[in-house]
PDB file of N, CA and C in Angstrom:
ATOM      1  N   MET A   1     -46.539 -82.537  -6.278  1.00  0.00           N
ATOM      2  CA  MET A   1     -45.263 -83.225  -6.330  1.00  0.00           C
ATOM      3  C   MET A   1     -44.311 -82.569  -5.331  1.00  0.00           C
ATOM      4  N   ALA A   2     -43.736 -83.367  -4.475  1.00  0.00           N
ATOM      5  CA  ALA A   2     -42.855 -82.843  -3.436  1.00  0.00           C
ATOM      6  C   ALA A   2     -41.468 -82.560  -3.999  1.00  0.00           C
ATOM      7  N   ASN A   3     -40.861 -81.495  -3.498  1.00  0.00           N
ATOM      8  CA  ASN A   3     -39.479 -81.203  -3.866  1.00  0.00           C
ATOM      9  C   ASN A   3     -38.566 -82.135  -3.098  1.00  0.00           C
ATOM     10  N   HIS A   4     -37.486 -82.535  -3.724  1.00  0.00           N
ATOM     11  CA  HIS A   4     -36.504 -83.339  -3.026  1.00  0.00           C
ATOM     12  C   HIS A   4     -35.107 -82.863  -3.398  1.00  0.00           C
ATOM     13  N   GLU A   5     -34.176 -83.157  -2.522  1.00  0.00           N
ATOM     14  CA  GLU A   5     -32.808 -82.709  -2.705  1.00  0.00           C
ATOM     15  C   GLU A   5     -31.965 -83.889  -3.151  1.00  0.00           C
ATOM     16  N   ILE A   6     -31.074 -83.657  -4.111  1.00  0.00           N
ATOM     17  CA  ILE A   6     -30.146 -84.699  -4.532  1.00  0.00           C
ATOM     18  C   ILE A   6     -28.727 -84.182  -4.433  1.00  0.00           C
ATOM     19  N   SER A   7     -27.814 -85.078  -4.226  1.00  0.00           N
ATOM     20  CA  SER A   7     -26.401 -84.739  -4.181  1.00  0.00           C
ATOM     21  C   SER A   7     -25.821 -84.934  -5.574  1.00  0.00           C
ATOM     22  N   VAL A   8     -25.119 -83.930  -6.085  1.00  0.00           N
ATOM     23  CA  VAL A   8     -24.531 -84.003  -7.420  1.00  0.00           C
ATOM     24  C   VAL A   8     -23.026 -84.153  -7.276  1.00  0.00           C
ATOM     25  N   ASN A   9     -22.487 -85.162  -7.938  1.00  0.00           N
ATOM     26  CA  ASN A   9     -21.057 -85.408  -7.927  1.00  0.00           C
ATOM     27  C   ASN A   9     -20.486 -84.939  -9.259  1.00  0.00           C
ATOM     28  N   ILE A  10     -19.647 -83.916  -9.236  1.00  0.00           N
ATOM     29  CA  ILE A  10     -19.010 -83.410 -10.446  1.00  0.00           C
ATOM     30  C   ILE A  10     -17.559 -83.885 -10.441  1.00  0.00           C
ATOM     31  N   PRO A  11     -17.211 -84.767 -11.380  1.00  0.00           N
ATOM     32  CA  PRO A  11     -15.832 -85.276 -11.417  1.00  0.00           C
ATOM     33  C   PRO A  11     -14.825 -84.136 -11.571  1.00  0.00           C
ATOM     34  N   SER A  12     -13.684 -84.288 -10.915  1.00  0.00           N
ATOM     35  CA  SER A  12     -12.665 -83.224 -10.959  1.00  0.00           C
ATOM     36  C   SER A  12     -12.088 -83.036 -12.355  1.00  0.00           C
ATOM     37  N   ASN A  13     -12.174 -84.057 -13.211  1.00  0.00           N
ATOM     38  CA  ASN A  13     -11.620 -83.924 -14.559  1.00  0.00           C
ATOM     39  C   ASN A  13     -12.663 -83.455 -15.577  1.00  0.00           C
ATOM     40  N   LEU A  14     -13.837 -83.067 -15.120  1.00  0.00           N
ATOM     41  CA  LEU A  14     -14.879 -82.566 -16.023  1.00  0.00           C
ATOM     42  C   LEU A  14     -14.632 -81.085 -16.293  1.00  0.00           C
ATOM     43  N   ASP A  15     -14.282 -80.775 -17.538  1.00  0.00           N
ATOM     44  CA  ASP A  15     -13.988 -79.405 -17.923  1.00  0.00           C
ATOM     45  C   ASP A  15     -15.243 -78.719 -18.442  1.00  0.00           C
ATOM     46  N   PRO A  16     -15.456 -77.469 -18.070  1.00  0.00           N
ATOM     47  CA  PRO A  16     -16.575 -76.721 -18.654  1.00  0.00           C
ATOM     48  C   PRO A  16     -16.274 -76.433 -20.125  1.00  0.00           C
ATOM     49  N   VAL A  17     -17.321 -76.303 -20.922  1.00  0.00           N
ATOM     50  CA  VAL A  17     -17.148 -75.979 -22.335  1.00  0.00           C
ATOM     51  C   VAL A  17     -17.965 -74.732 -22.658  1.00  0.00           C
ATOM     52  N   TYR A  18     -17.531 -74.001 -23.674  1.00  0.00           N
ATOM     53  CA  TYR A  18     -18.247 -72.824 -24.146  1.00  0.00           C
ATOM     54  C   TYR A  18     -18.884 -73.167 -25.481  1.00  0.00           C
ATOM     55  N   SER A  19     -20.133 -72.805 -25.644  1.00  0.00           N
ATOM     56  CA  SER A  19     -20.855 -73.044 -26.887  1.00  0.00           C
ATOM     57  C   SER A  19     -21.518 -71.746 -27.317  1.00  0.00           C
ATOM     58  N   ASN A  20     -21.355 -71.379 -28.586  1.00  0.00           N
ATOM     59  CA  ASN A  20     -22.024 -70.178 -29.097  1.00  0.00           C
ATOM     60  C   ASN A  20     -22.987 -70.508 -30.232  1.00  0.00           C
ATOM     61  N   ARG A  21     -23.250 -71.799 -30.420  1.00  0.00           N
ATOM     62  CA  ARG A  21     -24.225 -72.242 -31.424  1.00  0.00           C
ATOM     63  C   ARG A  21     -24.746 -73.599 -30.975  1.00  0.00           C
ATOM     64  N   ILE A  22     -25.998 -73.873 -31.320  1.00  0.00           N
ATOM     65  CA  ILE A  22     -26.599 -75.154 -30.960  1.00  0.00           C
ATOM     66  C   ILE A  22     -27.435 -75.663 -32.119  1.00  0.00           C
ATOM     67  N   GLN A  23     -27.386 -76.956 -32.327  1.00  0.00           N
ATOM     68  CA  GLN A  23     -28.262 -77.610 -33.296  1.00  0.00           C
ATOM     69  C   GLN A  23     -29.123 -78.593 -32.505  1.00  0.00           C
ATOM     70  N   ILE A  24     -30.413 -78.605 -32.794  1.00  0.00           N
ATOM     71  CA  ILE A  24     -31.327 -79.484 -32.080  1.00  0.00           C
ATOM     72  C   ILE A  24     -32.005 -80.413 -33.073  1.00  0.00           C
ATOM     73  N   ALA A  25     -31.970 -81.692 -32.774  1.00  0.00           N
ATOM     74  CA  ALA A  25     -32.668 -82.702 -33.574  1.00  0.00           C
ATOM     75  C   ALA A  25     -33.609 -83.438 -32.629  1.00  0.00           C
ATOM     76  N   TYR A  26     -34.652 -84.006 -33.184  1.00  0.00           N
ATOM     77  CA  TYR A  26     -35.574 -84.767 -32.336  1.00  0.00           C
ATOM     78  C   TYR A  26     -36.196 -85.909 -33.111  1.00  0.00           C
ATOM     79  N   LYS A  27     -36.597 -86.885 -32.360  1.00  0.00           N
ATOM     80  CA  LYS A  27     -37.393 -87.983 -32.880  1.00  0.00           C
ATOM     81  C   LYS A  27     -38.426 -88.300 -31.803  1.00  0.00           C
ATOM     82  N   GLU A  28     -39.224 -89.311 -32.005  1.00  0.00           N
ATOM     83  CA  GLU A  28     -40.346 -89.549 -31.106  1.00  0.00           C
ATOM     84  C   GLU A  28     -39.939 -89.678 -29.638  1.00  0.00           C
ATOM     85  N   ASP A  29     -38.808 -90.294 -29.373  1.00  0.00           N
ATOM     86  CA  ASP A  29     -38.460 -90.593 -27.989  1.00  0.00           C
ATOM     87  C   ASP A  29     -37.309 -89.779 -27.411  1.00  0.00           C
ATOM     88  N   GLU A  30     -36.768 -88.800 -28.167  1.00  0.00           N
ATOM     89  CA  GLU A  30     -35.682 -88.002 -27.598  1.00  0.00           C
ATOM     90  C   GLU A  30     -35.432 -86.709 -28.373  1.00  0.00           C
ATOM     91  N   PHE A  31     -34.866 -85.750 -27.669  1.00  0.00           N
ATOM     92  CA  PHE A  31     -34.327 -84.527 -28.246  1.00  0.00           C
ATOM     93  C   PHE A  31     -32.817 -84.624 -28.093  1.00  0.00           C
ATOM     94  N   THR A  32     -32.087 -84.267 -29.148  1.00  0.00           N
ATOM     95  CA  THR A  32     -30.634 -84.289 -29.090  1.00  0.00           C
ATOM     96  C   THR A  32     -30.117 -82.882 -29.354  1.00  0.00           C
ATOM     97  N   PHE A  33     -29.253 -82.411 -28.463  1.00  0.00           N
ATOM     98  CA  PHE A  33     -28.663 -81.076 -28.542  1.00  0.00           C
ATOM     99  C   PHE A  33     -27.191 -81.228 -28.882  1.00  0.00           C
ATOM    100  N   LEU A  34     -26.783 -80.614 -29.968  1.00  0.00           N
ATOM    101  CA  LEU A  34     -25.376 -80.599 -30.366  1.00  0.00           C
ATOM    102  C   LEU A  34     -24.857 -79.194 -30.067  1.00  0.00           C
ATOM    103  N   PHE A  35     -24.033 -79.086 -29.034  1.00  0.00           N
ATOM    104  CA  PHE A  35     -23.464 -77.800 -28.645  1.00  0.00           C
ATOM    105  C   PHE A  35     -22.165 -77.596 -29.410  1.00  0.00           C
ATOM    106  N   LEU A  36     -22.056 -76.446 -30.076  1.00  0.00           N
ATOM    107  CA  LEU A  36     -20.928 -76.159 -30.951  1.00  0.00           C
ATOM    108  C   LEU A  36     -20.232 -74.875 -30.528  1.00  0.00           C
ATOM    109  N   HIS A  37     -18.962 -74.790 -30.862  1.00  0.00           N
ATOM    110  CA  HIS A  37     -18.236 -73.527 -30.744  1.00  0.00           C
ATOM    111  C   HIS A  37     -17.868 -73.109 -32.157  1.00  0.00           C
ATOM    112  N   GLU A  38     -18.556 -72.065 -32.649  1.00  0.00           N
ATOM    113  CA  GLU A  38     -18.296 -71.569 -33.997  1.00  0.00           C
ATOM    114  C   GLU A  38     -17.021 -70.747 -33.983  1.00  0.00           C
ATOM    115  N   ILE A  39     -16.146 -71.035 -34.923  1.00  0.00           N
ATOM    116  CA  ILE A  39     -14.881 -70.329 -35.024  1.00  0.00           C
ATOM    117  C   ILE A  39     -15.085 -69.151 -35.967  1.00  0.00           C
ATOM    118  N   PRO A  40     -14.970 -67.908 -35.456  1.00  0.00           N
ATOM    119  CA  PRO A  40     -15.244 -66.729 -36.276  1.00  0.00           C
ATOM    120  C   PRO A  40     -14.378 -66.683 -37.536  1.00  0.00           C
ATOM    121  N   ALA A  41     -15.003 -66.280 -38.641  1.00  0.00           N
ATOM    122  CA  ALA A  41     -14.350 -66.062 -39.938  1.00  0.00           C
ATOM    123  C   ALA A  41     -13.689 -67.307 -40.517  1.00  0.00           C
ATOM    124  N   ALA A  42     -14.022 -68.495 -40.015  1.00  0.00           N
ATOM    125  CA  ALA A  42     -13.398 -69.706 -40.544  1.00  0.00           C
ATOM    126  C   ALA A  42     -14.429 -70.655 -41.157  1.00  0.00           C
ATOM    127  N   ASN A  43     -15.713 -70.310 -41.067  1.00  0.00           N
ATOM    128  CA  ASN A  43     -16.782 -71.186 -41.555  1.00  0.00           C
ATOM    129  C   ASN A  43     -16.651 -72.594 -40.988  1.00  0.00           C
ATOM    130  N   GLN A  44     -16.260 -72.684 -39.723  1.00  0.00           N
ATOM    131  CA  GLN A  44     -16.120 -73.961 -39.045  1.00  0.00           C
ATOM    132  C   GLN A  44     -16.689 -73.863 -37.647  1.00  0.00           C
ATOM    133  N   ALA A  45     -17.120 -75.000 -37.153  1.00  0.00           N
ATOM    134  CA  ALA A  45     -17.553 -75.095 -35.765  1.00  0.00           C
ATOM    135  C   ALA A  45     -17.027 -76.406 -35.207  1.00  0.00           C
ATOM    136  N   ARG A  46     -16.687 -76.385 -33.959  1.00  0.00           N
ATOM    137  CA  ARG A  46     -16.197 -77.580 -33.282  1.00  0.00           C
ATOM    138  C   ARG A  46     -17.283 -78.083 -32.335  1.00  0.00           C
ATOM    139  N   ALA A  47     -17.623 -79.354 -32.446  1.00  0.00           N
ATOM    140  CA  ALA A  47     -18.604 -79.941 -31.529  1.00  0.00           C
ATOM    141  C   ALA A  47     -17.987 -79.994 -30.136  1.00  0.00           C
ATOM    142  N   LYS A  48     -18.726 -79.526 -29.150  1.00  0.00           N
ATOM    143  CA  LYS A  48     -18.244 -79.519 -27.775  1.00  0.00           C
ATOM    144  C   LYS A  48     -18.955 -80.545 -26.906  1.00  0.00           C
ATOM    145  N   ALA A  49     -20.239 -80.800 -27.201  1.00  0.00           N
ATOM    146  CA  ALA A  49     -20.994 -81.785 -26.426  1.00  0.00           C
ATOM    147  C   ALA A  49     -22.241 -82.180 -27.199  1.00  0.00           C
ATOM    148  N   ILE A  50     -22.641 -83.432 -27.036  1.00  0.00           N
ATOM    149  CA  ILE A  50     -23.903 -83.916 -27.563  1.00  0.00           C
ATOM    150  C   ILE A  50     -24.686 -84.452 -26.377  1.00  0.00           C
ATOM    151  N   VAL A  51     -25.899 -83.935 -26.204  1.00  0.00           N
ATOM    152  CA  VAL A  51     -26.730 -84.331 -25.064  1.00  0.00           C
ATOM    153  C   VAL A  51     -28.097 -84.736 -25.576  1.00  0.00           C
ATOM    154  N   SER A  52     -28.547 -85.929 -25.201  1.00  0.00           N
ATOM    155  CA  SER A  52     -29.881 -86.399 -25.568  1.00  0.00           C
ATOM    156  C   SER A  52     -30.731 -86.511 -24.309  1.00  0.00           C
ATOM    157  N   ILE A  53     -31.988 -86.043 -24.413  1.00  0.00           N
ATOM    158  CA  ILE A  53     -32.910 -86.109 -23.282  1.00  0.00           C
ATOM    159  C   ILE A  53     -34.287 -86.527 -23.787  1.00  0.00           C
ATOM    160  N   SER A  54     -35.123 -86.974 -22.864  1.00  0.00           N
ATOM    161  CA  SER A  54     -36.476 -87.395 -23.225  1.00  0.00           C
ATOM    162  C   SER A  54     -37.328 -86.165 -23.552  1.00  0.00           C
ATOM    163  N   PRO A  55     -38.423 -86.357 -24.280  1.00  0.00           N
ATOM    164  CA  PRO A  55     -39.322 -85.226 -24.551  1.00  0.00           C
ATOM    165  C   PRO A  55     -39.841 -84.564 -23.268  1.00  0.00           C
ATOM    166  N   ARG A  56     -40.118 -85.358 -22.234  1.00  0.00           N
ATOM    167  CA  ARG A  56     -40.581 -84.771 -20.958  1.00  0.00           C
ATOM    168  C   ARG A  56     -39.504 -83.898 -20.332  1.00  0.00           C
ATOM    169  N   HIS A  57     -38.247 -84.351 -20.390  1.00  0.00           N
ATOM    170  CA  HIS A  57     -37.160 -83.531 -19.855  1.00  0.00           C
ATOM    171  C   HIS A  57     -36.951 -82.282 -20.712  1.00  0.00           C
ATOM    172  N   ALA A  58     -37.157 -82.392 -22.026  1.00  0.00           N
ATOM    173  CA  ALA A  58     -37.039 -81.224 -22.905  1.00  0.00           C
ATOM    174  C   ALA A  58     -38.087 -80.179 -22.529  1.00  0.00           C
ATOM    175  N   LYS A  59     -39.304 -80.632 -22.276  1.00  0.00           N
ATOM    176  CA  LYS A  59     -40.376 -79.712 -21.868  1.00  0.00           C
ATOM    177  C   LYS A  59     -40.019 -79.045 -20.537  1.00  0.00           C
ATOM    178  N   ASN A  60     -39.478 -79.812 -19.605  1.00  0.00           N
ATOM    179  CA  ASN A  60     -39.055 -79.264 -18.322  1.00  0.00           C
ATOM    180  C   ASN A  60     -37.912 -78.271 -18.511  1.00  0.00           C
ATOM    181  N   LEU A  61     -36.991 -78.565 -19.436  1.00  0.00           N
ATOM    182  CA  LEU A  61     -35.876 -77.654 -19.724  1.00  0.00           C
ATOM    183  C   LEU A  61     -36.396 -76.296 -20.180  1.00  0.00           C
ATOM    184  N   VAL A  62     -37.419 -76.292 -21.045  1.00  0.00           N
ATOM    185  CA  VAL A  62     -38.004 -75.034 -21.526  1.00  0.00           C
ATOM    186  C   VAL A  62     -38.533 -74.219 -20.343  1.00  0.00           C
ATOM    187  N   GLU A  63     -39.221 -74.873 -19.431  1.00  0.00           N
ATOM    188  CA  GLU A  63     -39.789 -74.167 -18.278  1.00  0.00           C
ATOM    189  C   GLU A  63     -38.703 -73.630 -17.355  1.00  0.00           C
ATOM    190  N   VAL A  64     -37.701 -74.451 -17.069  1.00  0.00           N
ATOM    191  CA  VAL A  64     -36.611 -74.028 -16.179  1.00  0.00           C
ATOM    192  C   VAL A  64     -35.806 -72.908 -16.821  1.00  0.00           C
ATOM    193  N   LEU A  65     -35.525 -73.024 -18.116  1.00  0.00           N
ATOM    194  CA  LEU A  65     -34.762 -71.989 -18.822  1.00  0.00           C
ATOM    195  C   LEU A  65     -35.541 -70.676 -18.856  1.00  0.00           C
ATOM    196  N   SER A  66     -36.839 -70.753 -19.094  1.00  0.00           N
ATOM    197  CA  SER A  66     -37.679 -69.552 -19.111  1.00  0.00           C
ATOM    198  C   SER A  66     -37.650 -68.847 -17.755  1.00  0.00           C
ATOM    199  N   LYS A  67     -37.768 -69.622 -16.679  1.00  0.00           N
ATOM    200  CA  LYS A  67     -37.708 -69.032 -15.333  1.00  0.00           C
ATOM    201  C   LYS A  67     -36.333 -68.419 -15.075  1.00  0.00           C
ATOM    202  N   SER A  68     -35.288 -69.130 -15.462  1.00  0.00           N
ATOM    203  CA  SER A  68     -33.924 -68.633 -15.242  1.00  0.00           C
ATOM    204  C   SER A  68     -33.672 -67.345 -16.019  1.00  0.00           C
ATOM    205  N   ILE A  69     -34.171 -67.263 -17.249  1.00  0.00           N
ATOM    206  CA  ILE A  69     -34.015 -66.037 -18.045  1.00  0.00           C
ATOM    207  C   ILE A  69     -34.765 -64.888 -17.385  1.00  0.00           C
ATOM    208  N   GLY A  70     -35.974 -65.155 -16.890  1.00  0.00           N
ATOM    209  CA  GLY A  70     -36.726 -64.127 -16.170  1.00  0.00           C
ATOM    210  C   GLY A  70     -35.970 -63.630 -14.951  1.00  0.00           C
ATOM    211  N   ASP A  71     -35.408 -64.557 -14.178  1.00  0.00           N
ATOM    212  CA  ASP A  71     -34.612 -64.180 -12.995  1.00  0.00           C
ATOM    213  C   ASP A  71     -33.388 -63.366 -13.402  1.00  0.00           C
ATOM    214  N   TYR A  72     -32.707 -63.786 -14.469  1.00  0.00           N
ATOM    215  CA  TYR A  72     -31.529 -63.079 -14.967  1.00  0.00           C
ATOM    216  C   TYR A  72     -31.897 -61.645 -15.349  1.00  0.00           C
ATOM    217  N   GLU A  73     -33.001 -61.498 -16.106  1.00  0.00           N
ATOM    218  CA  GLU A  73     -33.401 -60.168 -16.569  1.00  0.00           C
ATOM    219  C   GLU A  73     -33.808 -59.267 -15.412  1.00  0.00           C
ATOM    220  N   GLN A  74     -34.377 -59.834 -14.366  1.00  0.00           N
ATOM    221  CA  GLN A  74     -34.699 -59.019 -13.184  1.00  0.00           C
ATOM    222  C   GLN A  74     -33.427 -58.490 -12.537  1.00  0.00           C
ATOM    223  N   LYS A  75     -32.401 -59.310 -12.533  1.00  0.00           N
ATOM    224  CA  LYS A  75     -31.155 -58.937 -11.871  1.00  0.00           C
ATOM    225  C   LYS A  75     -30.258 -58.059 -12.744  1.00  0.00           C
ATOM    226  N   PHE A  76     -30.163 -58.364 -14.053  1.00  0.00           N
ATOM    227  CA  PHE A  76     -29.187 -57.698 -14.915  1.00  0.00           C
ATOM    228  C   PHE A  76     -29.791 -56.844 -16.024  1.00  0.00           C
ATOM    229  N   GLY A  77     -31.098 -56.890 -16.211  1.00  0.00           N
ATOM    230  CA  GLY A  77     -31.737 -56.128 -17.284  1.00  0.00           C
ATOM    231  C   GLY A  77     -32.142 -57.034 -18.438  1.00  0.00           C
ATOM    232  N   LYS A  78     -32.999 -56.475 -19.274  1.00  0.00           N
ATOM    233  CA  LYS A  78     -33.591 -57.233 -20.376  1.00  0.00           C
ATOM    234  C   LYS A  78     -32.538 -57.674 -21.392  1.00  0.00           C
ATOM    235  N   ILE A  79     -32.675 -58.891 -21.844  1.00  0.00           N
ATOM    236  CA  ILE A  79     -31.837 -59.409 -22.926  1.00  0.00           C
ATOM    237  C   ILE A  79     -32.521 -59.011 -24.226  1.00  0.00           C
ATOM    238  N   THR A  80     -31.791 -58.336 -25.087  1.00  0.00           N
ATOM    239  CA  THR A  80     -32.405 -57.897 -26.342  1.00  0.00           C
ATOM    240  C   THR A  80     -32.242 -58.974 -27.405  1.00  0.00           C
ATOM    241  N   ALA A  81     -33.280 -59.154 -28.198  1.00  0.00           N
ATOM    242  CA  ALA A  81     -33.241 -60.122 -29.294  1.00  0.00           C
ATOM    243  C   ALA A  81     -32.392 -59.563 -30.422  1.00  0.00           C
ATOM    244  N   PRO A  82     -31.796 -60.434 -31.225  1.00  0.00           N
ATOM    245  CA  PRO A  82     -31.011 -59.943 -32.368  1.00  0.00           C
ATOM    246  C   PRO A  82     -31.899 -59.229 -33.375  1.00  0.00           C
ATOM    247  N   SER A  83     -31.328 -58.284 -34.103  1.00  0.00           N
ATOM    248  CA  SER A  83     -32.066 -57.578 -35.145  1.00  0.00           C
ATOM    249  C   SER A  83     -32.384 -58.559 -36.274  1.00  0.00           C
ATOM    250  N   PRO A  84     -33.366 -58.234 -37.139  1.00  0.00           N
ATOM    251  CA  PRO A  84     -33.678 -59.125 -38.261  1.00  0.00           C
ATOM    252  C   PRO A  84     -32.457 -59.442 -39.128  1.00  0.00           C
ATOM    253  N   ALA A  85     -31.567 -58.484 -39.334  1.00  0.00           N
ATOM    254  CA  ALA A  85     -30.359 -58.717 -40.135  1.00  0.00           C
ATOM    255  C   ALA A  85     -29.460 -59.753 -39.454  1.00  0.00           C
ATOM    256  N   GLN A  86     -29.318 -59.650 -38.138  1.00  0.00           N
ATOM    257  CA  GLN A  86     -28.498 -60.605 -37.401  1.00  0.00           C
ATOM    258  C   GLN A  86     -29.143 -61.990 -37.418  1.00  0.00           C
ATOM    259  N   GLN A  87     -30.471 -62.052 -37.393  1.00  0.00           N
ATOM    260  CA  GLN A  87     -31.153 -63.338 -37.429  1.00  0.00           C
ATOM    261  C   GLN A  87     -30.923 -64.028 -38.768  1.00  0.00           C
ATOM    262  N   GLN A  88     -30.953 -63.272 -39.856  1.00  0.00           N
ATOM    263  CA  GLN A  88     -30.669 -63.845 -41.173  1.00  0.00           C
ATOM    264  C   GLN A  88     -29.254 -64.389 -41.201  1.00  0.00           C
ATOM    265  N   GLU A  89     -28.331 -63.664 -40.586  1.00  0.00           N
ATOM    266  CA  GLU A  89     -26.943 -64.093 -40.488  1.00  0.00           C
ATOM    267  C   GLU A  89     -26.840 -65.396 -39.717  1.00  0.00           C
ATOM    268  N   GLY A  90     -27.753 -65.594 -38.771  1.00  0.00           N
ATOM    269  CA  GLY A  90     -27.706 -66.758 -37.903  1.00  0.00           C
ATOM    270  C   GLY A  90     -28.199 -68.045 -38.539  1.00  0.00           C
ATOM    271  N   ASN A  91     -28.824 -67.968 -39.735  1.00  0.00           N
ATOM    272  CA  ASN A  91     -29.284 -69.183 -40.389  1.00  0.00           C
ATOM    273  C   ASN A  91     -28.112 -69.841 -41.089  1.00  0.00           C
ATOM    274  N   VAL A  92     -27.694 -70.973 -40.552  1.00  0.00           N
ATOM    275  CA  VAL A  92     -26.499 -71.638 -41.036  1.00  0.00           C
ATOM    276  C   VAL A  92     -26.828 -73.104 -41.293  1.00  0.00           C
ATOM    277  N   THR A  93     -26.315 -73.633 -42.382  1.00  0.00           N
ATOM    278  CA  THR A  93     -26.412 -75.066 -42.637  1.00  0.00           C
ATOM    279  C   THR A  93     -25.193 -75.726 -42.025  1.00  0.00           C
ATOM    280  N   ILE A  94     -25.434 -76.715 -41.196  1.00  0.00           N
ATOM    281  CA  ILE A  94     -24.338 -77.396 -40.520  1.00  0.00           C
ATOM    282  C   ILE A  94     -24.132 -78.750 -41.191  1.00  0.00           C
ATOM    283  N   ARG A  95     -22.935 -78.969 -41.711  1.00  0.00           N
ATOM    284  CA  ARG A  95     -22.610 -80.240 -42.342  1.00  0.00           C
ATOM    285  C   ARG A  95     -21.795 -81.087 -41.383  1.00  0.00           C
ATOM    286  N   GLY A  96     -21.922 -82.395 -41.502  1.00  0.00           N
ATOM    287  CA  GLY A  96     -21.092 -83.282 -40.697  1.00  0.00           C
ATOM    288  C   GLY A  96     -21.831 -83.951 -39.573  1.00  0.00           C
ATOM    289  N   TYR A  97     -23.052 -83.546 -39.312  1.00  0.00           N
ATOM    290  CA  TYR A  97     -23.836 -84.168 -38.253  1.00  0.00           C
ATOM    291  C   TYR A  97     -25.293 -84.043 -38.617  1.00  0.00           C
ATOM    292  N   SER A  98     -26.050 -85.108 -38.468  1.00  0.00           N
ATOM    293  CA  SER A  98     -27.496 -85.022 -38.721  1.00  0.00           C
ATOM    294  C   SER A  98     -28.247 -85.879 -37.744  1.00  0.00           C
TER     295      SER A  98
END
């Protein structure tokens, strides 16, 4: 498969968003990512973006993200995984979207 170049137009009114939590849902024909900003000590999160992609694009995302993480770690050092206690803390039930 040949590489090709595309021109990307980013609208001037498109604001970047910060997300510190993500919920992923899927069905046969799509993966949906709900990007959230969790508000510390408030038991609330604000939805920042919802993005749906095809299963093929989801598979490609995994590969691109894996390569990008490898490149990042070569440049800045290894990213450490959360401790088991922090992982337990990370299990959250999200209400309001399914």
